[in-house]
């Protein structure tokens, strides 16, 4: 959530920044400022009136002690009038604060100065590419055919059990999935991240804290009876661990990692881009999250990008890193780098990770602060990234490493999987 003070300081610059994200309702900036001015005036009126009541109440006691009952009664009548006026002021103040909050949450985060202009993924900036694209034999096939050939994922039974987009991993497919998850967690914990295993359902406050509500309500699975949401990513519960917490500067940075299944409705998705593992409603992902000093957040973002890049290099997958343009960024992000791997059989790039700096947008919603040496508090900056999302990683591993003998696995996975090849 944007801070009102930022908008009051330079509303013109805020509107310019929001325009980079192609946010249409720029008038909301003025609405926020107007509502905040009204809130401040009502708050001042309430405090001034309450001060009159308190002062007069003390004066009544003094008048009574002096035997000046008539004067005391007159003062009581004044106090009654002031007290009667407090209720409508308080009610108007509560309504104004509610309207201010409802307007604030409709505004996305401001993009960093590093965000390139543009509307679509075609406008994203290519940072760099790495790895070597494999030369596959003429009879190579996409991963959905390899899955059937090696009998490692059953989409038909998954659809029977739940519905389309819920794959059933089996045999060596389940084992390879488990091996990847364990390797990713080990890679992250070796880099100083503490592992968590969070709940897979969250309440409304938790979903609100990271910006899923009200922006992405239609993308999450909702259980109305309990008003819980299935998590779309481990970012949601993990970042909220420190909600409503005042940290010490010495606590920072806080590094967390978690494996969870992720659930996304992906409403409106169709066509060849959703075939096989390209887009599913339930998938496994390992996440990294950091809470840091604002002065260090962009250096931390760069280090997280390098961390994910090294993980992809260890898997031997050709990849590219993109800095997202304003029109392709998420609601809550200030700057995002996407990682894509090359799918040789499909001859296309598949997104497998997003690494983002949210600055104080999430921490302002969650009230995650840290105390300075002088006793003042300020909001931390939050960052997260996929390290990694498994479905498309698995798709690329299968396609890029297929041979007439089977699927050759990256060396780093040999010990985790217990074999050098999937046959």
Protein backbone atom coordinates (compact mmCIF):
# COMPACT_ATOMS: atom_id res chain seq x y z
CA UNK A 1 0.00 0.00 0.00
CA UNK A 2 1.32 3.42 -0.93
CA UNK A 3 2.09 5.85 1.86
CA UNK A 4 -0.11 8.95 1.97
CA UNK A 5 2.90 11.12 2.85
CA UNK A 6 4.53 10.18 -0.47
CA UNK A 7 1.45 11.30 -2.41
CA UNK A 8 1.10 14.54 -0.46
CA UNK A 9 4.77 15.38 -1.00
CA UNK A 10 4.68 15.21 -4.82
CA UNK A 11 1.31 14.11 -6.29
CA UNK A 12 2.45 14.97 -9.81
CA UNK A 13 5.40 12.60 -9.63
CA UNK A 14 3.17 9.86 -8.21
CA UNK A 15 0.80 10.23 -11.16
CA UNK A 16 3.75 10.06 -13.58
CA UNK A 17 4.99 6.87 -11.93
CA UNK A 18 1.55 5.24 -12.02
CA UNK A 19 1.28 6.11 -15.71
CA UNK A 20 4.41 4.00 -16.34
CA UNK A 21 2.33 1.04 -15.12
CA UNK A 22 -0.50 2.24 -17.39
CA UNK A 23 -2.75 2.66 -14.36
CA UNK A 24 -5.92 4.33 -15.58
CA UNK A 25 -7.50 5.78 -12.40
CA UNK A 26 -4.96 8.53 -11.76
CA UNK A 27 -7.66 10.68 -10.13
CA UNK A 28 -7.42 8.35 -7.13
CA UNK A 29 -4.25 10.22 -6.11
CA UNK A 30 -6.26 13.44 -5.71
CA UNK A 31 -9.04 11.55 -3.96
CA UNK A 32 -6.56 10.19 -1.43
CA UNK A 33 -5.15 13.65 -0.72
CA UNK A 34 -8.65 15.15 -0.36
CA UNK A 35 -9.75 12.38 1.99
CA UNK A 36 -6.56 12.71 4.02
CA UNK A 37 -7.10 16.46 4.38
CA UNK A 38 -10.65 15.81 5.56
CA UNK A 39 -9.38 13.17 7.96
CA UNK A 40 -6.83 15.55 9.43
CA UNK A 41 -9.42 18.31 9.87
CA UNK A 42 -11.89 15.96 11.56
CA UNK A 43 -9.13 14.59 13.79
CA UNK A 44 -8.17 18.14 14.79
CA UNK A 45 -11.83 19.09 15.43
CA UNK A 46 -12.26 16.01 17.60
CA UNK A 47 -9.09 16.65 19.58
CA UNK A 48 -9.89 20.36 20.07
CA UNK A 49 -13.44 19.59 21.22
CA UNK A 50 -12.21 16.84 23.53
CA UNK A 51 -9.68 19.31 24.95
CA UNK A 52 -12.49 21.77 25.68
CA UNK A 53 -14.43 19.02 27.44
CA UNK A 54 -11.43 18.02 29.54
CA UNK A 55 -10.59 21.62 30.46
CA UNK A 56 -14.20 22.46 31.34
CA UNK A 57 -14.55 19.32 33.43
CA UNK A 58 -11.60 20.39 35.57
CA UNK A 59 -13.09 23.87 35.84
CA UNK A 60 -16.42 22.47 37.02
CA UNK A 61 -14.67 20.72 39.87
CA UNK A 62 -12.97 23.95 40.90
CA UNK A 63 -16.25 25.91 40.75
CA UNK A 64 -18.05 23.30 42.86
CA UNK A 65 -15.27 23.36 45.45
CA UNK A 66 -15.74 27.15 45.71
CA UNK A 67 -19.51 26.83 46.10
CA UNK A 68 -20.24 28.47 42.72
CA UNK A 69 -22.98 26.02 41.77
CA UNK A 70 -24.73 28.24 39.18
CA UNK A 71 -21.52 28.82 37.27
CA UNK A 72 -20.77 25.13 37.51
CA UNK A 73 -24.18 24.23 36.07
CA UNK A 74 -23.68 26.63 33.17
CA UNK A 75 -20.33 25.02 32.46
CA UNK A 76 -21.93 21.55 32.62
CA UNK A 77 -24.43 22.64 29.96
CA UNK A 78 -21.53 23.72 27.75
CA UNK A 79 -19.78 20.38 28.29
CA UNK A 80 -22.96 18.50 27.39
CA UNK A 81 -23.15 20.40 24.11
CA UNK A 82 -19.51 19.70 23.28
CA UNK A 83 -19.90 16.01 24.15
CA UNK A 84 -22.94 15.79 21.90
CA UNK A 85 -20.92 17.21 19.00
CA UNK A 86 -18.14 14.65 19.50
CA UNK A 87 -20.24 11.68 18.35
CA UNK A 88 -21.00 12.95 14.81
CA UNK A 89 -17.36 14.07 14.42
CA UNK A 90 -16.15 10.64 15.50
CA UNK A 91 -18.61 8.91 13.16
CA UNK A 92 -17.59 11.13 10.23
CA UNK A 93 -13.92 10.49 11.04
CA UNK A 94 -14.43 6.71 11.02
CA UNK A 95 -16.24 6.89 7.66
CA UNK A 96 -13.51 9.08 6.19
CA UNK A 97 -10.74 6.77 7.39
CA UNK A 98 -12.58 3.80 5.88
CA UNK A 99 -12.99 5.60 2.54
CA UNK A 100 -9.33 6.61 2.60
CA UNK A 101 -8.25 3.02 3.21
CA UNK A 102 -10.54 1.65 0.48
CA UNK A 103 -9.13 4.18 -2.00
CA UNK A 104 -5.51 3.55 -1.02
CA UNK A 105 -5.70 -0.21 -1.63
CA UNK A 106 -6.84 0.40 -5.20
CA UNK A 107 -3.52 2.04 -6.05
CA UNK A 108 -0.63 -0.19 -7.24
CA UNK A 109 2.95 0.22 -6.14
CA UNK A 110 5.05 2.87 -7.83
CA UNK A 111 7.58 1.47 -10.30
CA UNK A 112 11.29 2.00 -9.76
CA UNK A 113 13.18 4.40 -12.03
CA UNK A 114 14.82 1.28 -13.50
CA UNK A 115 11.51 0.01 -14.94
CA UNK A 116 11.43 0.32 -18.74
CA UNK A 117 8.40 1.84 -20.40
CA UNK A 118 6.10 -0.45 -22.33
CA UNK A 119 2.75 -2.19 -22.28
CA UNK A 120 3.31 -5.84 -23.18
CA UNK A 121 5.88 -8.63 -22.63
CA UNK A 122 7.36 -7.70 -26.00
CA UNK A 123 8.53 -4.44 -24.38
CA UNK A 124 10.48 -6.14 -21.58
CA UNK A 125 14.22 -5.40 -21.47
CA UNK A 126 16.60 -8.31 -22.06
CA UNK A 127 19.27 -8.17 -19.34
CA UNK A 128 21.31 -11.21 -20.40
CA UNK A 129 21.20 -14.80 -21.60
CA UNK A 130 23.13 -17.80 -20.31
CA UNK A 131 23.62 -21.46 -21.00
CA UNK A 132 23.67 -23.27 -24.33
CA UNK A 133 20.58 -24.25 -26.30
CA UNK A 134 20.70 -27.98 -27.10
CA UNK A 135 20.57 -29.37 -30.63
CA UNK A 136 17.88 -32.03 -30.45
CA UNK A 137 17.56 -34.92 -32.88
CA UNK A 138 14.86 -34.70 -35.56
CA UNK A 139 12.62 -37.17 -33.73
CA UNK A 140 12.55 -35.12 -30.50
CA UNK A 141 9.11 -34.48 -29.00
CA UNK A 142 7.59 -31.99 -26.51
CA UNK A 143 7.33 -32.86 -22.83
CA UNK A 144 3.66 -33.91 -22.96
CA UNK A 145 4.66 -36.78 -25.27
CA UNK A 146 7.69 -37.65 -23.09
CA UNK A 147 5.43 -37.75 -20.04
CA UNK A 148 3.29 -40.41 -21.71
CA UNK A 149 6.29 -42.31 -23.03
CA UNK A 150 7.88 -42.64 -19.58
CA UNK A 151 4.55 -42.81 -17.72
CA UNK A 152 5.54 -40.21 -15.10
CA UNK A 153 2.54 -37.85 -15.02
CA UNK A 154 -1.12 -38.78 -15.48
CA UNK A 155 -3.22 -35.80 -16.57
CA UNK A 156 -6.30 -37.90 -17.27
CA UNK A 157 -6.53 -39.36 -13.77
CA UNK A 158 -5.72 -35.98 -12.26
CA UNK A 159 -8.64 -34.54 -14.19
CA UNK A 160 -10.86 -37.37 -12.92
CA UNK A 161 -9.82 -36.76 -9.33
CA UNK A 162 -10.16 -32.96 -9.42
CA UNK A 163 -10.39 -31.34 -12.82
CA UNK A 164 -8.36 -30.04 -15.73
CA UNK A 165 -4.99 -28.61 -14.75
CA UNK A 166 -4.38 -30.86 -11.72
CA UNK A 167 -1.62 -33.33 -12.74
CA UNK A 168 -1.04 -36.63 -10.94
CA UNK A 169 2.70 -37.35 -10.61
CA UNK A 170 3.56 -41.04 -10.38
CA UNK A 171 6.54 -43.35 -10.12
CA UNK A 172 9.75 -41.72 -11.30
CA UNK A 173 7.85 -38.53 -12.06
CA UNK A 174 6.95 -38.15 -8.39
CA UNK A 175 10.51 -39.06 -7.40
CA UNK A 176 12.03 -36.49 -9.77
CA UNK A 177 9.66 -33.84 -8.48
CA UNK A 178 10.71 -34.63 -4.90
CA UNK A 179 14.39 -34.57 -5.90
CA UNK A 180 14.05 -31.12 -7.45
CA UNK A 181 12.25 -29.73 -4.40
CA UNK A 182 14.91 -31.07 -2.03
CA UNK A 183 17.74 -29.73 -4.18
CA UNK A 184 16.18 -26.27 -4.43
CA UNK A 185 15.67 -26.10 -0.65
CA UNK A 186 19.23 -27.27 0.00
CA UNK A 187 20.56 -24.68 -2.44
CA UNK A 188 18.64 -21.92 -0.66
CA UNK A 189 19.48 -22.94 2.90
CA UNK A 190 23.17 -23.21 1.96
CA UNK A 191 22.92 -19.53 0.96
CA UNK A 192 21.63 -18.54 4.40
CA UNK A 193 17.86 -18.83 3.99
CA UNK A 194 15.90 -20.36 6.89
CA UNK A 195 13.45 -23.05 5.78
CA UNK A 196 9.75 -22.82 6.68
CA UNK A 197 6.79 -25.08 5.97
CA UNK A 198 3.78 -22.74 6.14
CA UNK A 199 0.02 -23.38 6.02
CA UNK A 200 -1.43 -23.82 2.54
CA UNK A 201 -4.54 -21.81 3.44
CA UNK A 202 -4.53 -18.21 4.64
CA UNK A 203 -7.08 -15.79 6.04
CA UNK A 204 -8.15 -12.52 4.48
CA UNK A 205 -5.69 -10.39 6.46
CA UNK A 206 -2.77 -12.49 5.23
CA UNK A 207 -3.89 -12.36 1.58
CA UNK A 208 -4.41 -8.60 1.94
CA UNK A 209 -0.94 -8.12 3.44
CA UNK A 210 1.01 -9.17 0.34
CA UNK A 211 -1.38 -7.51 -2.13
CA UNK A 212 -3.36 -10.53 -3.34
CA UNK A 213 -6.50 -8.84 -2.04
CA UNK A 214 -8.28 -7.00 -3.41
CA UNK A 215 -6.23 -7.11 -6.66
CA UNK A 216 -6.12 -10.88 -7.36
CA UNK A 217 -9.26 -12.15 -5.64
CA UNK A 218 -10.53 -13.85 -8.80
CA UNK A 219 -7.28 -15.79 -9.25
CA UNK A 220 -7.38 -17.52 -5.86
CA UNK A 221 -9.43 -20.50 -4.73
CA UNK A 222 -11.73 -19.35 -1.93
CA UNK A 223 -13.43 -21.44 0.77
CA UNK A 224 -16.44 -19.32 1.79
CA UNK A 225 -17.43 -21.42 4.82
CA UNK A 226 -14.19 -20.52 6.63
CA UNK A 227 -13.26 -17.49 4.52
CA UNK A 228 -9.84 -19.00 3.79
CA UNK A 229 -7.88 -18.82 0.54
CA UNK A 230 -5.61 -21.50 -0.94
CA UNK A 231 -2.22 -19.87 -1.39
CA UNK A 232 -1.11 -18.88 -4.92
CA UNK A 233 2.51 -18.82 -3.70
CA UNK A 234 4.49 -19.36 -0.48
CA UNK A 235 5.26 -15.62 -0.56
CA UNK A 236 1.85 -14.96 1.00
CA UNK A 237 2.14 -16.85 4.31
CA UNK A 238 5.92 -16.52 4.63
CA UNK A 239 6.05 -12.71 4.32
CA UNK A 240 3.16 -12.42 6.78
CA UNK A 241 5.13 -14.26 9.48
CA UNK A 242 6.37 -10.84 10.59
CA UNK A 243 3.08 -8.96 10.18
CA UNK A 244 2.50 -6.40 12.98
CA UNK A 245 6.08 -6.83 14.20
CA UNK A 246 8.70 -4.25 15.16
CA UNK A 247 12.13 -5.72 14.49
CA UNK A 248 15.55 -4.61 15.61
CA UNK A 249 17.97 -3.33 13.00
CA UNK A 250 20.26 -6.20 14.03
CA UNK A 251 17.52 -8.67 12.99
CA UNK A 252 17.90 -7.61 9.35
CA UNK A 253 18.19 -9.03 6.80
CA UNK A 254 15.69 -11.82 7.37
CA UNK A 255 16.03 -14.59 4.77
CA UNK A 256 13.31 -17.23 4.42
CA UNK A 257 12.64 -20.08 2.02
CA UNK A 258 9.70 -22.45 1.72
CA UNK A 259 8.39 -25.23 -0.46
CA UNK A 260 4.63 -25.35 -1.00
CA UNK A 261 2.11 -26.49 -3.55
CA UNK A 262 0.58 -23.40 -5.19
CA UNK A 263 -3.01 -23.01 -6.36
CA UNK A 264 -4.14 -20.64 -9.10
CA UNK A 265 -7.43 -20.57 -10.95
CA UNK A 266 -5.79 -19.13 -14.11
CA UNK A 267 -9.23 -18.07 -15.33
CA UNK A 268 -9.36 -17.44 -19.05
CA UNK A 269 -6.23 -19.46 -19.90
CA UNK A 270 -6.57 -21.60 -23.00
CA UNK A 271 -4.80 -22.76 -26.15
CA UNK A 272 -1.37 -24.24 -26.79
CA UNK A 273 0.29 -22.17 -24.04
CA UNK A 274 -1.52 -24.25 -21.39
CA UNK A 275 -0.72 -27.65 -22.83
CA UNK A 276 1.03 -30.19 -20.60
CA UNK A 277 2.92 -28.53 -17.76
CA UNK A 278 2.98 -25.07 -19.34
CA UNK A 279 0.10 -23.83 -17.17
CA UNK A 280 -1.64 -25.81 -14.43
CA UNK A 281 -3.90 -24.99 -11.48
CA UNK A 282 -1.77 -26.78 -8.86
CA UNK A 283 2.01 -26.80 -9.01
CA UNK A 284 5.02 -27.05 -6.71
CA UNK A 285 7.33 -24.12 -6.10
CA UNK A 286 10.21 -23.19 -3.79
CA UNK A 287 10.19 -19.53 -2.77
CA UNK A 288 12.77 -17.18 -1.27
CA UNK A 289 11.73 -14.09 0.72
CA UNK A 290 13.82 -11.33 2.30
CA UNK A 291 12.97 -8.49 4.69
CA UNK A 292 15.71 -5.87 4.58
CA UNK A 293 16.83 -2.35 5.42
CA UNK A 294 15.44 -0.02 2.70
CA UNK A 295 18.94 1.33 2.01
CA UNK A 296 20.06 -2.16 0.97
CA UNK A 297 17.02 -3.51 -0.88
CA UNK A 298 18.24 -2.98 -4.45
CA UNK A 299 21.62 -4.52 -3.71
CA UNK A 300 19.73 -7.45 -2.16
CA UNK A 301 17.55 -7.68 -5.28
CA UNK A 302 20.66 -7.99 -7.44
CA UNK A 303 22.02 -10.72 -5.16
CA UNK A 304 18.74 -12.65 -5.37
CA UNK A 305 18.86 -12.45 -9.18
CA UNK A 306 22.38 -13.90 -9.12
CA UNK A 307 21.21 -16.62 -6.68
CA UNK A 308 18.46 -17.80 -9.05
CA UNK A 309 20.80 -17.52 -12.03
CA UNK A 310 23.33 -19.84 -10.35
CA UNK A 311 20.57 -22.32 -9.61
CA UNK A 312 19.60 -22.44 -13.29
CA UNK A 313 23.24 -22.76 -14.33
CA UNK A 314 23.61 -25.77 -12.02
CA UNK A 315 20.72 -27.44 -13.88
CA UNK A 316 22.37 -26.84 -17.24
CA UNK A 317 19.31 -25.03 -18.61
CA UNK A 318 19.64 -22.21 -21.17
CA UNK A 319 17.97 -19.12 -19.72
CA UNK A 320 17.41 -15.44 -20.15
CA UNK A 321 16.73 -12.65 -17.65
CA UNK A 322 14.20 -9.93 -18.44
CA UNK A 323 13.53 -6.67 -16.64
CA UNK A 324 9.76 -6.22 -16.84
CA UNK A 325 8.29 -3.10 -18.39
CA UNK A 326 5.66 -1.04 -16.58
CA UNK A 327 2.71 -2.64 -18.34
CA UNK A 328 3.84 -6.21 -17.58
CA UNK A 329 4.54 -5.74 -13.87
CA UNK A 330 2.46 -6.98 -10.97
CA UNK A 331 0.25 -4.75 -8.85
CA UNK A 332 2.60 -4.80 -5.83
CA UNK A 333 6.04 -4.80 -7.46
CA UNK A 334 8.42 -1.85 -7.78
CA UNK A 335 10.89 -3.77 -9.97
CA UNK A 336 10.75 -7.33 -11.30
CA UNK A 337 13.18 -9.60 -13.13
CA UNK A 338 11.72 -12.63 -14.89
CA UNK A 339 13.73 -15.76 -15.64
CA UNK A 340 12.80 -17.87 -18.64
CA UNK A 341 14.28 -21.19 -19.75
CA UNK A 342 14.47 -22.41 -23.31
CA UNK A 343 12.13 -25.25 -24.16
CA UNK A 344 13.94 -26.91 -27.04
CA UNK A 345 11.15 -29.14 -28.31
CA UNK A 346 8.54 -26.38 -28.14
CA UNK A 347 11.08 -23.80 -29.36
CA UNK A 348 9.86 -21.18 -26.91
CA UNK A 349 10.85 -19.48 -23.67
CA UNK A 350 9.06 -20.58 -20.49
CA UNK A 351 8.91 -18.38 -17.39
CA UNK A 352 10.21 -20.20 -14.29
CA UNK A 353 10.91 -17.39 -11.82
CA UNK A 354 10.09 -13.81 -10.95
CA UNK A 355 12.35 -11.92 -8.55
CA UNK A 356 10.83 -8.69 -7.24
CA UNK A 357 11.46 -5.77 -4.91
CA UNK A 358 8.23 -4.49 -3.36
CA UNK A 359 9.98 -1.74 -1.40
CA UNK A 360 7.60 -0.70 1.44
CA UNK A 361 4.37 -1.53 -0.40
CA UNK A 362 3.74 -4.86 1.35
CA UNK A 363 5.34 -3.92 4.67
CA UNK A 364 3.08 -0.86 4.92
CA UNK A 365 0.05 -3.15 4.63
CA UNK A 366 1.49 -5.62 7.13
CA UNK A 367 3.07 -3.02 9.45
CA UNK A 368 6.46 -4.73 9.43
CA UNK A 369 8.88 -2.18 10.87
CA UNK A 370 12.30 -2.01 12.42
CA UNK A 371 13.59 0.29 15.14
CA UNK A 372 16.46 2.66 14.50
CA UNK A 373 19.13 3.39 17.11
CA UNK A 374 17.40 6.69 17.91
CA UNK A 375 14.19 4.81 18.72
CA UNK A 376 12.34 5.80 15.55
CA UNK A 377 10.74 3.09 13.45
CA UNK A 378 10.54 2.70 9.71
CA UNK A 379 9.10 0.15 7.31
CA UNK A 380 11.29 -2.67 6.02
CA UNK A 381 11.51 -3.47 2.33
CA UNK A 382 10.26 -6.90 1.22
CA UNK A 383 11.56 -8.96 -1.70
CA UNK A 384 10.81 -12.41 -3.02
CA UNK A 385 11.55 -14.75 -5.86
CA UNK A 386 10.84 -18.21 -7.22
CA UNK A 387 13.74 -20.55 -6.62
CA UNK A 388 12.24 -22.28 -8.56
CA UNK A 389 8.77 -23.05 -9.97
CA UNK A 390 8.83 -26.73 -10.90
CA UNK A 391 6.36 -27.45 -13.73
CA UNK A 392 8.19 -25.60 -16.49
CA UNK A 393 11.60 -26.52 -15.06
CA UNK A 394 10.57 -30.16 -15.35
CA UNK A 395 9.21 -29.57 -18.86
CA UNK A 396 12.51 -28.02 -19.98
CA UNK A 397 14.60 -30.74 -18.31
CA UNK A 398 12.63 -33.46 -20.08
CA UNK A 399 12.69 -31.80 -23.49
CA UNK A 400 16.26 -30.51 -23.48
CA UNK A 401 17.83 -33.75 -22.19
CA UNK A 402 15.95 -36.36 -24.21
CA UNK A 403 17.97 -39.03 -25.98
CA UNK A 404 17.41 -42.45 -27.49
CA UNK A 405 18.42 -43.97 -24.13
CA UNK A 406 16.18 -41.86 -21.93
CA UNK A 407 16.22 -38.47 -20.15
CA UNK A 408 19.76 -37.55 -19.12
CA UNK A 409 19.62 -35.76 -15.76
CA UNK A 410 21.89 -32.86 -14.73
CA UNK A 411 24.83 -34.03 -12.65
CA UNK A 412 23.67 -32.06 -9.61
CA UNK A 413 20.49 -34.21 -9.48
CA UNK A 414 22.19 -37.61 -9.68
CA UNK A 415 22.49 -38.02 -5.93
CA UNK A 416 19.02 -36.62 -5.24
CA UNK A 417 17.32 -38.82 -7.82
CA UNK A 418 19.53 -41.86 -7.32
CA UNK A 419 20.33 -42.24 -11.02
CA UNK A 420 21.98 -40.43 -13.90
CA UNK A 421 19.12 -41.03 -16.29
CA UNK A 422 15.36 -41.39 -16.32
CA UNK A 423 14.39 -44.43 -18.41
